[in-house]
Amino acid sequence: DAAHGISPHIGQGASLALEDTIVIAELLKLNIGYTQ
């Protein structure tokens, strides 16, 4: 929600936060640098 605050009409705020966490964790595992 810090990156993309979404109106609560479909209840996806927490879901997107969890998805974001998984995606960023997987990208950081690649050791490609934070910027990339």
PDB file of all heavy atoms in Angstrom:
ATOM      1  N   ASP A   1       0.813  -1.213   0.000  1.00  0.00           N
ATOM      2  CA  ASP A   1       0.000   0.000   0.000  1.00  0.00           C
ATOM      3  C   ASP A   1       0.849   1.268   0.000  1.00  0.00           C
ATOM      4  O   ASP A   1       0.383   2.319  -0.427  1.00  0.00           O
ATOM      5  CB  ASP A   1      -0.933   0.022   1.213  1.00  0.00           C
ATOM      6  CG  ASP A   1      -2.105  -0.929   1.054  1.00  0.00           C
ATOM      7  OD1 ASP A   1      -2.340  -1.398  -0.074  1.00  0.00           O
ATOM      8  OD2 ASP A   1      -2.786  -1.201   2.059  1.00  0.00           O
ATOM      9  N   ALA A   2       2.074   1.183   0.473  1.00  0.00           N
ATOM     10  CA  ALA A   2       2.953   2.359   0.436  1.00  0.00           C
ATOM     11  C   ALA A   2       3.261   2.746  -1.007  1.00  0.00           C
ATOM     12  O   ALA A   2       3.439   3.911  -1.321  1.00  0.00           O
ATOM     13  CB  ALA A   2       4.252   2.074   1.182  1.00  0.00           C
ATOM     14  N   ALA A   3       3.320   1.768  -1.875  1.00  0.00           N
ATOM     15  CA  ALA A   3       3.639   2.027  -3.282  1.00  0.00           C
ATOM     16  C   ALA A   3       2.388   2.280  -4.106  1.00  0.00           C
ATOM     17  O   ALA A   3       2.392   3.099  -5.012  1.00  0.00           O
ATOM     18  CB  ALA A   3       4.398   0.842  -3.874  1.00  0.00           C
ATOM     19  N   HIS A   4       1.335   1.571  -3.807  1.00  0.00           N
ATOM     20  CA  HIS A   4       0.112   1.692  -4.597  1.00  0.00           C
ATOM     21  C   HIS A   4      -1.102   1.513  -3.700  1.00  0.00           C
ATOM     22  O   HIS A   4      -1.596   0.409  -3.531  1.00  0.00           O
ATOM     23  CB  HIS A   4       0.070   0.687  -5.763  1.00  0.00           C
ATOM     24  CG  HIS A   4       0.788  -0.605  -5.502  1.00  0.00           C
ATOM     25  ND1 HIS A   4       2.010  -0.877  -6.042  1.00  0.00           N
ATOM     26  CD2 HIS A   4       0.484  -1.674  -4.744  1.00  0.00           C
ATOM     27  CE1 HIS A   4       2.414  -2.071  -5.643  1.00  0.00           C
ATOM     28  NE2 HIS A   4       1.500  -2.565  -4.862  1.00  0.00           N
ATOM     29  N   GLY A   5      -1.536   2.630  -3.121  1.00  0.00           N
ATOM     30  CA  GLY A   5      -2.731   2.602  -2.296  1.00  0.00           C
ATOM     31  C   GLY A   5      -3.950   2.372  -3.173  1.00  0.00           C
ATOM     32  O   GLY A   5      -4.194   3.121  -4.106  1.00  0.00           O
ATOM     33  N   ILE A   6      -4.670   1.337  -2.902  1.00  0.00           N
ATOM     34  CA  ILE A   6      -5.810   0.955  -3.732  1.00  0.00           C
ATOM     35  C   ILE A   6      -7.075   1.088  -2.902  1.00  0.00           C
ATOM     36  O   ILE A   6      -7.100   0.719  -1.728  1.00  0.00           O
ATOM     37  CB  ILE A   6      -5.640  -0.492  -4.243  1.00  0.00           C
ATOM     38  CG1 ILE A   6      -4.412  -0.563  -5.129  1.00  0.00           C
ATOM     39  CG2 ILE A   6      -6.878  -0.968  -4.960  1.00  0.00           C
ATOM     40  CD1 ILE A   6      -4.067  -1.941  -5.602  1.00  0.00           C
ATOM     41  N   SER A   7      -8.132   1.601  -3.518  1.00  0.00           N
ATOM     42  CA  SER A   7      -9.390   1.712  -2.793  1.00  0.00           C
ATOM     43  C   SER A   7      -9.816   0.326  -2.308  1.00  0.00           C
ATOM     44  O   SER A   7      -9.530  -0.678  -2.949  1.00  0.00           O
ATOM     45  CB  SER A   7     -10.469   2.343  -3.679  1.00  0.00           C
ATOM     46  OG  SER A   7     -10.737   1.528  -4.791  1.00  0.00           O
ATOM     47  N   PRO A   8     -10.483   0.276  -1.177  1.00  0.00           N
ATOM     48  CA  PRO A   8     -10.775  -1.012  -0.527  1.00  0.00           C
ATOM     49  C   PRO A   8     -11.922  -1.812  -1.131  1.00  0.00           C
ATOM     50  O   PRO A   8     -12.319  -2.822  -0.567  1.00  0.00           O
ATOM     51  CB  PRO A   8     -11.120  -0.590   0.898  1.00  0.00           C
ATOM     52  CG  PRO A   8     -11.731   0.762   0.736  1.00  0.00           C
ATOM     53  CD  PRO A   8     -10.952   1.408  -0.388  1.00  0.00           C
ATOM     54  N   HIS A   9     -12.416  -1.410  -2.265  1.00  0.00           N
ATOM     55  CA  HIS A   9     -13.629  -2.027  -2.802  1.00  0.00           C
ATOM     56  C   HIS A   9     -13.474  -3.490  -3.205  1.00  0.00           C
ATOM     57  O   HIS A   9     -14.460  -4.199  -3.312  1.00  0.00           O
ATOM     58  CB  HIS A   9     -14.160  -1.222  -3.984  1.00  0.00           C
ATOM     59  CG  HIS A   9     -14.486   0.179  -3.622  1.00  0.00           C
ATOM     60  ND1 HIS A   9     -15.478   0.518  -2.743  1.00  0.00           N
ATOM     61  CD2 HIS A   9     -13.921   1.350  -3.995  1.00  0.00           C
ATOM     62  CE1 HIS A   9     -15.528   1.816  -2.589  1.00  0.00           C
ATOM     63  NE2 HIS A   9     -14.588   2.352  -3.340  1.00  0.00           N
ATOM     64  N   ILE A  10     -12.263  -3.961  -3.446  1.00  0.00           N
ATOM     65  CA  ILE A  10     -12.087  -5.372  -3.808  1.00  0.00           C
ATOM     66  C   ILE A  10     -11.121  -6.093  -2.867  1.00  0.00           C
ATOM     67  O   ILE A  10     -10.785  -7.240  -3.085  1.00  0.00           O
ATOM     68  CB  ILE A  10     -11.653  -5.547  -5.281  1.00  0.00           C
ATOM     69  CG1 ILE A  10     -10.354  -4.831  -5.568  1.00  0.00           C
ATOM     70  CG2 ILE A  10     -12.742  -5.087  -6.223  1.00  0.00           C
ATOM     71  CD1 ILE A  10      -9.811  -5.110  -6.966  1.00  0.00           C
ATOM     72  N   GLY A  11     -10.688  -5.423  -1.822  1.00  0.00           N
ATOM     73  CA  GLY A  11      -9.880  -6.047  -0.778  1.00  0.00           C
ATOM     74  C   GLY A  11      -8.572  -6.655  -1.251  1.00  0.00           C
ATOM     75  O   GLY A  11      -8.237  -7.761  -0.843  1.00  0.00           O
ATOM     76  N   GLN A  12      -7.822  -5.953  -2.076  1.00  0.00           N
ATOM     77  CA  GLN A  12      -6.587  -6.512  -2.617  1.00  0.00           C
ATOM     78  C   GLN A  12      -5.323  -5.875  -2.055  1.00  0.00           C
ATOM     79  O   GLN A  12      -4.225  -6.227  -2.475  1.00  0.00           O
ATOM     80  CB  GLN A  12      -6.582  -6.373  -4.146  1.00  0.00           C
ATOM     81  CG  GLN A  12      -7.554  -7.287  -4.820  1.00  0.00           C
ATOM     82  CD  GLN A  12      -7.199  -8.743  -4.598  1.00  0.00           C
ATOM     83  OE1 GLN A  12      -6.120  -9.187  -4.929  1.00  0.00           O
ATOM     84  NE2 GLN A  12      -8.114  -9.493  -4.013  1.00  0.00           N
ATOM     85  N   GLY A  13      -5.424  -4.956  -1.119  1.00  0.00           N
ATOM     86  CA  GLY A  13      -4.247  -4.269  -0.585  1.00  0.00           C
ATOM     87  C   GLY A  13      -3.227  -5.220   0.017  1.00  0.00           C
ATOM     88  O   GLY A  13      -2.047  -5.196  -0.328  1.00  0.00           O
ATOM     89  N   ALA A  14      -3.674  -6.095   0.910  1.00  0.00           N
ATOM     90  CA  ALA A  14      -2.759  -7.046   1.554  1.00  0.00           C
ATOM     91  C   ALA A  14      -2.237  -8.069   0.554  1.00  0.00           C
ATOM     92  O   ALA A  14      -1.062  -8.454   0.604  1.00  0.00           O
ATOM     93  CB  ALA A  14      -3.466  -7.752   2.715  1.00  0.00           C
ATOM     94  N   SER A  15      -3.081  -8.483  -0.360  1.00  0.00           N
ATOM     95  CA  SER A  15      -2.646  -9.460  -1.372  1.00  0.00           C
ATOM     96  C   SER A  15      -1.525  -8.898  -2.231  1.00  0.00           C
ATOM     97  O   SER A  15      -0.532  -9.573  -2.499  1.00  0.00           O
ATOM     98  CB  SER A  15      -3.810  -9.860  -2.266  1.00  0.00           C
ATOM     99  OG  SER A  15      -4.811 -10.500  -1.526  1.00  0.00           O
ATOM    100  N   LEU A  16      -1.681  -7.642  -2.655  1.00  0.00           N
ATOM    101  CA  LEU A  16      -0.636  -7.028  -3.466  1.00  0.00           C
ATOM    102  C   LEU A  16       0.646  -6.850  -2.665  1.00  0.00           C
ATOM    103  O   LEU A  16       1.746  -7.008  -3.203  1.00  0.00           O
ATOM    104  CB  LEU A  16      -1.103  -5.682  -4.023  1.00  0.00           C
ATOM    105  CG  LEU A  16      -2.102  -5.763  -5.166  1.00  0.00           C
ATOM    106  CD1 LEU A  16      -2.592  -4.380  -5.553  1.00  0.00           C
ATOM    107  CD2 LEU A  16      -1.524  -6.465  -6.369  1.00  0.00           C
ATOM    108  N   ALA A  17       0.529  -6.543  -1.379  1.00  0.00           N
ATOM    109  CA  ALA A  17       1.724  -6.399  -0.545  1.00  0.00           C
ATOM    110  C   ALA A  17       2.474  -7.726  -0.448  1.00  0.00           C
ATOM    111  O   ALA A  17       3.707  -7.761  -0.535  1.00  0.00           O
ATOM    112  CB  ALA A  17       1.335  -5.904   0.849  1.00  0.00           C
ATOM    113  N   LEU A  18       1.746  -8.811  -0.300  1.00  0.00           N
ATOM    114  CA  LEU A  18       2.389 -10.135  -0.242  1.00  0.00           C
ATOM    115  C   LEU A  18       3.029 -10.497  -1.581  1.00  0.00           C
ATOM    116  O   LEU A  18       4.154 -11.014  -1.629  1.00  0.00           O
ATOM    117  CB  LEU A  18       1.374 -11.196   0.172  1.00  0.00           C
ATOM    118  CG  LEU A  18       0.892 -11.112   1.615  1.00  0.00           C
ATOM    119  CD1 LEU A  18      -0.264 -12.068   1.847  1.00  0.00           C
ATOM    120  CD2 LEU A  18       2.020 -11.390   2.583  1.00  0.00           C
ATOM    121  N   GLU A  19       2.310 -10.227  -2.663  1.00  0.00           N
ATOM    122  CA  GLU A  19       2.873 -10.488  -3.989  1.00  0.00           C
ATOM    123  C   GLU A  19       4.144  -9.662  -4.205  1.00  0.00           C
ATOM    124  O   GLU A  19       5.156 -10.180  -4.693  1.00  0.00           O
ATOM    125  CB  GLU A  19       1.860 -10.126  -5.084  1.00  0.00           C
ATOM    126  CG  GLU A  19       0.674 -11.041  -5.148  1.00  0.00           C
ATOM    127  CD  GLU A  19      -0.364 -10.541  -6.144  1.00  0.00           C
ATOM    128  OE1 GLU A  19      -0.001  -9.800  -7.080  1.00  0.00           O
ATOM    129  OE2 GLU A  19      -1.546 -10.897  -5.995  1.00  0.00           O
ATOM    130  N   ASP A  20       4.086  -8.378  -3.825  1.00  0.00           N
ATOM    131  CA  ASP A  20       5.255  -7.510  -3.963  1.00  0.00           C
ATOM    132  C   ASP A  20       6.452  -8.062  -3.196  1.00  0.00           C
ATOM    133  O   ASP A  20       7.581  -8.064  -3.694  1.00  0.00           O
ATOM    134  CB  ASP A  20       4.953  -6.102  -3.440  1.00  0.00           C
ATOM    135  CG  ASP A  20       4.065  -5.282  -4.352  1.00  0.00           C
ATOM    136  OD1 ASP A  20       3.791  -5.728  -5.486  1.00  0.00           O
ATOM    137  OD2 ASP A  20       3.645  -4.192  -3.930  1.00  0.00           O
ATOM    138  N   THR A  21       6.192  -8.527  -1.987  1.00  0.00           N
ATOM    139  CA  THR A  21       7.263  -9.055  -1.144  1.00  0.00           C
ATOM    140  C   THR A  21       7.936 -10.251  -1.802  1.00  0.00           C
ATOM    141  O   THR A  21       9.175 -10.353  -1.827  1.00  0.00           O
ATOM    142  CB  THR A  21       6.694  -9.460   0.236  1.00  0.00           C
ATOM    143  OG1 THR A  21       6.067  -8.324   0.819  1.00  0.00           O
ATOM    144  CG2 THR A  21       7.781  -9.967   1.155  1.00  0.00           C
ATOM    145  N   ILE A  22       7.141 -11.143  -2.338  1.00  0.00           N
ATOM    146  CA  ILE A  22       7.702 -12.336  -2.989  1.00  0.00           C
ATOM    147  C   ILE A  22       8.510 -11.950  -4.224  1.00  0.00           C
ATOM    148  O   ILE A  22       9.627 -12.429  -4.426  1.00  0.00           O
ATOM    149  CB  ILE A  22       6.575 -13.331  -3.342  1.00  0.00           C
ATOM    150  CG1 ILE A  22       5.985 -13.907  -2.061  1.00  0.00           C
ATOM    151  CG2 ILE A  22       7.087 -14.433  -4.264  1.00  0.00           C
ATOM    152  CD1 ILE A  22       4.686 -14.654  -2.245  1.00  0.00           C
ATOM    153  N   VAL A  23       7.956 -11.060  -5.032  1.00  0.00           N
ATOM    154  CA  VAL A  23       8.643 -10.661  -6.266  1.00  0.00           C
ATOM    155  C   VAL A  23       9.964  -9.967  -5.947  1.00  0.00           C
ATOM    156  O   VAL A  23      11.000 -10.295  -6.525  1.00  0.00           O
ATOM    157  CB  VAL A  23       7.740  -9.753  -7.137  1.00  0.00           C
ATOM    158  CG1 VAL A  23       8.518  -9.139  -8.290  1.00  0.00           C
ATOM    159  CG2 VAL A  23       6.549 -10.548  -7.661  1.00  0.00           C
ATOM    160  N   ILE A  24       9.956  -9.018  -5.017  1.00  0.00           N
ATOM    161  CA  ILE A  24      11.196  -8.293  -4.718  1.00  0.00           C
ATOM    162  C   ILE A  24      12.219  -9.221  -4.073  1.00  0.00           C
ATOM    163  O   ILE A  24      13.417  -9.132  -4.355  1.00  0.00           O
ATOM    164  CB  ILE A  24      10.936  -7.024  -3.867  1.00  0.00           C
ATOM    165  CG1 ILE A  24      12.138  -6.066  -3.942  1.00  0.00           C
ATOM    166  CG2 ILE A  24      10.644  -7.336  -2.433  1.00  0.00           C
ATOM    167  CD1 ILE A  24      12.325  -5.395  -5.251  1.00  0.00           C
ATOM    168  N   ALA A  25      11.771 -10.151  -3.250  1.00  0.00           N
ATOM    169  CA  ALA A  25      12.704 -11.110  -2.633  1.00  0.00           C
ATOM    170  C   ALA A  25      13.361 -11.981  -3.698  1.00  0.00           C
ATOM    171  O   ALA A  25      14.580 -12.217  -3.654  1.00  0.00           O
ATOM    172  CB  ALA A  25      11.975 -11.975  -1.612  1.00  0.00           C
ATOM    173  N   GLU A  26      12.580 -12.449  -4.636  1.00  0.00           N
ATOM    174  CA  GLU A  26      13.135 -13.281  -5.713  1.00  0.00           C
ATOM    175  C   GLU A  26      14.121 -12.487  -6.575  1.00  0.00           C
ATOM    176  O   GLU A  26      15.166 -13.012  -6.972  1.00  0.00           O
ATOM    177  CB  GLU A  26      12.008 -13.855  -6.591  1.00  0.00           C
ATOM    178  CG  GLU A  26      11.139 -14.875  -5.878  1.00  0.00           C
ATOM    179  CD  GLU A  26      11.907 -16.114  -5.427  1.00  0.00           C
ATOM    180  OE1 GLU A  26      12.790 -16.569  -6.165  1.00  0.00           O
ATOM    181  OE2 GLU A  26      11.612 -16.606  -4.324  1.00  0.00           O
ATOM    182  N   LEU A  27      13.811 -11.246  -6.847  1.00  0.00           N
ATOM    183  CA  LEU A  27      14.719 -10.420  -7.644  1.00  0.00           C
ATOM    184  C   LEU A  27      16.020 -10.138  -6.890  1.00  0.00           C
ATOM    185  O   LEU A  27      17.103 -10.161  -7.480  1.00  0.00           O
ATOM    186  CB  LEU A  27      14.040  -9.096  -8.033  1.00  0.00           C
ATOM    187  CG  LEU A  27      12.938  -9.214  -9.078  1.00  0.00           C
ATOM    188  CD1 LEU A  27      12.155  -7.901  -9.187  1.00  0.00           C
ATOM    189  CD2 LEU A  27      13.515  -9.605 -10.434  1.00  0.00           C
ATOM    190  N   LEU A  28      15.924  -9.910  -5.597  1.00  0.00           N
ATOM    191  CA  LEU A  28      17.132  -9.629  -4.809  1.00  0.00           C
ATOM    192  C   LEU A  28      18.018 -10.870  -4.674  1.00  0.00           C
ATOM    193  O   LEU A  28      19.231 -10.748  -4.532  1.00  0.00           O
ATOM    194  CB  LEU A  28      16.760  -9.063  -3.437  1.00  0.00           C
ATOM    195  CG  LEU A  28      16.154  -7.657  -3.468  1.00  0.00           C
ATOM    196  CD1 LEU A  28      15.637  -7.263  -2.092  1.00  0.00           C
ATOM    197  CD2 LEU A  28      17.158  -6.638  -3.989  1.00  0.00           C
ATOM    198  N   LYS A  29      17.415 -12.050  -4.744  1.00  0.00           N
ATOM    199  CA  LYS A  29      18.198 -13.294  -4.704  1.00  0.00           C
ATOM    200  C   LYS A  29      19.109 -13.446  -5.921  1.00  0.00           C
ATOM    201  O   LYS A  29      20.085 -14.169  -5.882  1.00  0.00           O
ATOM    202  CB  LYS A  29      17.276 -14.517  -4.655  1.00  0.00           C
ATOM    203  CG  LYS A  29      16.685 -14.804  -3.318  1.00  0.00           C
ATOM    204  CD  LYS A  29      15.883 -16.109  -3.437  1.00  0.00           C
ATOM    205  CE  LYS A  29      14.931 -16.289  -2.319  1.00  0.00           C
ATOM    206  NZ  LYS A  29      14.141 -17.522  -2.501  1.00  0.00           N
ATOM    207  N   LEU A  30      18.768 -12.765  -7.005  1.00  0.00           N
ATOM    208  CA  LEU A  30      19.538 -12.891  -8.237  1.00  0.00           C
ATOM    209  C   LEU A  30      20.890 -12.176  -8.172  1.00  0.00           C
ATOM    210  O   LEU A  30      21.708 -12.321  -9.076  1.00  0.00           O
ATOM    211  CB  LEU A  30      18.741 -12.337  -9.427  1.00  0.00           C
ATOM    212  CG  LEU A  30      17.424 -13.039  -9.750  1.00  0.00           C
ATOM    213  CD1 LEU A  30      16.695 -12.299 -10.870  1.00  0.00           C
ATOM    214  CD2 LEU A  30      17.665 -14.492 -10.129  1.00  0.00           C
ATOM    215  N   ASN A  31      21.117 -11.400  -7.114  1.00  0.00           N
ATOM    216  CA  ASN A  31      22.368 -10.646  -6.932  1.00  0.00           C
ATOM    217  C   ASN A  31      22.687  -9.772  -8.143  1.00  0.00           C
ATOM    218  O   ASN A  31      23.816  -9.736  -8.623  1.00  0.00           O
ATOM    219  CB  ASN A  31      23.540 -11.586  -6.639  1.00  0.00           C
ATOM    220  CG  ASN A  31      23.399 -12.253  -5.295  1.00  0.00           C
ATOM    221  OD1 ASN A  31      23.013 -11.612  -4.324  1.00  0.00           O
ATOM    222  ND2 ASN A  31      23.680 -13.544  -5.245  1.00  0.00           N
ATOM    223  N   ILE A  32      21.678  -9.048  -8.614  1.00  0.00           N
ATOM    224  CA  ILE A  32      21.878  -8.173  -9.770  1.00  0.00           C
ATOM    225  C   ILE A  32      22.028  -6.714  -9.356  1.00  0.00           C
ATOM    226  O   ILE A  32      22.153  -5.843 -10.197  1.00  0.00           O
ATOM    227  CB  ILE A  32      20.704  -8.313 -10.769  1.00  0.00           C
ATOM    228  CG1 ILE A  32      19.372  -8.043 -10.074  1.00  0.00           C
ATOM    229  CG2 ILE A  32      20.720  -9.658 -11.442  1.00  0.00           C
ATOM    230  CD1 ILE A  32      18.168  -8.071 -10.991  1.00  0.00           C
ATOM    231  N   GLY A  33      22.026  -6.470  -8.083  1.00  0.00           N
ATOM    232  CA  GLY A  33      22.125  -5.100  -7.573  1.00  0.00           C
ATOM    233  C   GLY A  33      20.745  -4.525  -7.315  1.00  0.00           C
ATOM    234  O   GLY A  33      19.783  -4.857  -7.995  1.00  0.00           O
ATOM    235  N   TYR A  34      20.703  -3.649  -6.314  1.00  0.00           N
ATOM    236  CA  TYR A  34      19.421  -3.073  -5.912  1.00  0.00           C
ATOM    237  C   TYR A  34      18.771  -2.259  -7.025  1.00  0.00           C
ATOM    238  O   TYR A  34      17.578  -2.377  -7.275  1.00  0.00           O
ATOM    239  CB  TYR A  34      19.595  -2.177  -4.673  1.00  0.00           C
ATOM    240  CG  TYR A  34      19.945  -2.944  -3.434  1.00  0.00           C
ATOM    241  CD1 TYR A  34      21.207  -2.849  -2.861  1.00  0.00           C
ATOM    242  CD2 TYR A  34      18.998  -3.768  -2.829  1.00  0.00           C
ATOM    243  CE1 TYR A  34      21.521  -3.559  -1.718  1.00  0.00           C
ATOM    244  CE2 TYR A  34      19.299  -4.483  -1.689  1.00  0.00           C
ATOM    245  CZ  TYR A  34      20.570  -4.371  -1.138  1.00  0.00           C
ATOM    246  OH  TYR A  34      20.876  -5.087  -0.010  1.00  0.00           O
ATOM    247  N   THR A  35      19.563  -1.448  -7.691  1.00  0.00           N
ATOM    248  CA  THR A  35      18.992  -0.573  -8.715  1.00  0.00           C
ATOM    249  C   THR A  35      18.314  -1.379  -9.814  1.00  0.00           C
ATOM    250  O   THR A  35      17.162  -1.119 -10.176  1.00  0.00           O
ATOM    251  CB  THR A  35      20.081   0.331  -9.332  1.00  0.00           C
ATOM    252  OG1 THR A  35      20.688   1.081  -8.284  1.00  0.00           O
ATOM    253  CG2 THR A  35      19.476   1.278 -10.348  1.00  0.00           C
ATOM    254  N   GLN A  36      18.990  -2.379 -10.326  1.00  0.00           N
ATOM    255  CA  GLN A  36      18.401  -3.191 -11.389  1.00  0.00           C
ATOM    256  C   GLN A  36      17.222  -4.008 -10.864  1.00  0.00           C
ATOM    257  O   GLN A  36      16.208  -4.154 -11.542  1.00  0.00           O
ATOM    258  CB  GLN A  36      19.445  -4.113 -12.012  1.00  0.00           C
ATOM    259  CG  GLN A  36      18.905  -4.822 -13.241  1.00  0.00           C
ATOM    260  CD  GLN A  36      19.953  -5.677 -13.937  1.00  0.00           C
ATOM    261  OE1 GLN A  36      21.104  -5.744 -13.511  1.00  0.00           O
ATOM    262  NE2 GLN A  36      19.549  -6.327 -15.002  1.00  0.00           N
TER     263      GLN A  36
END
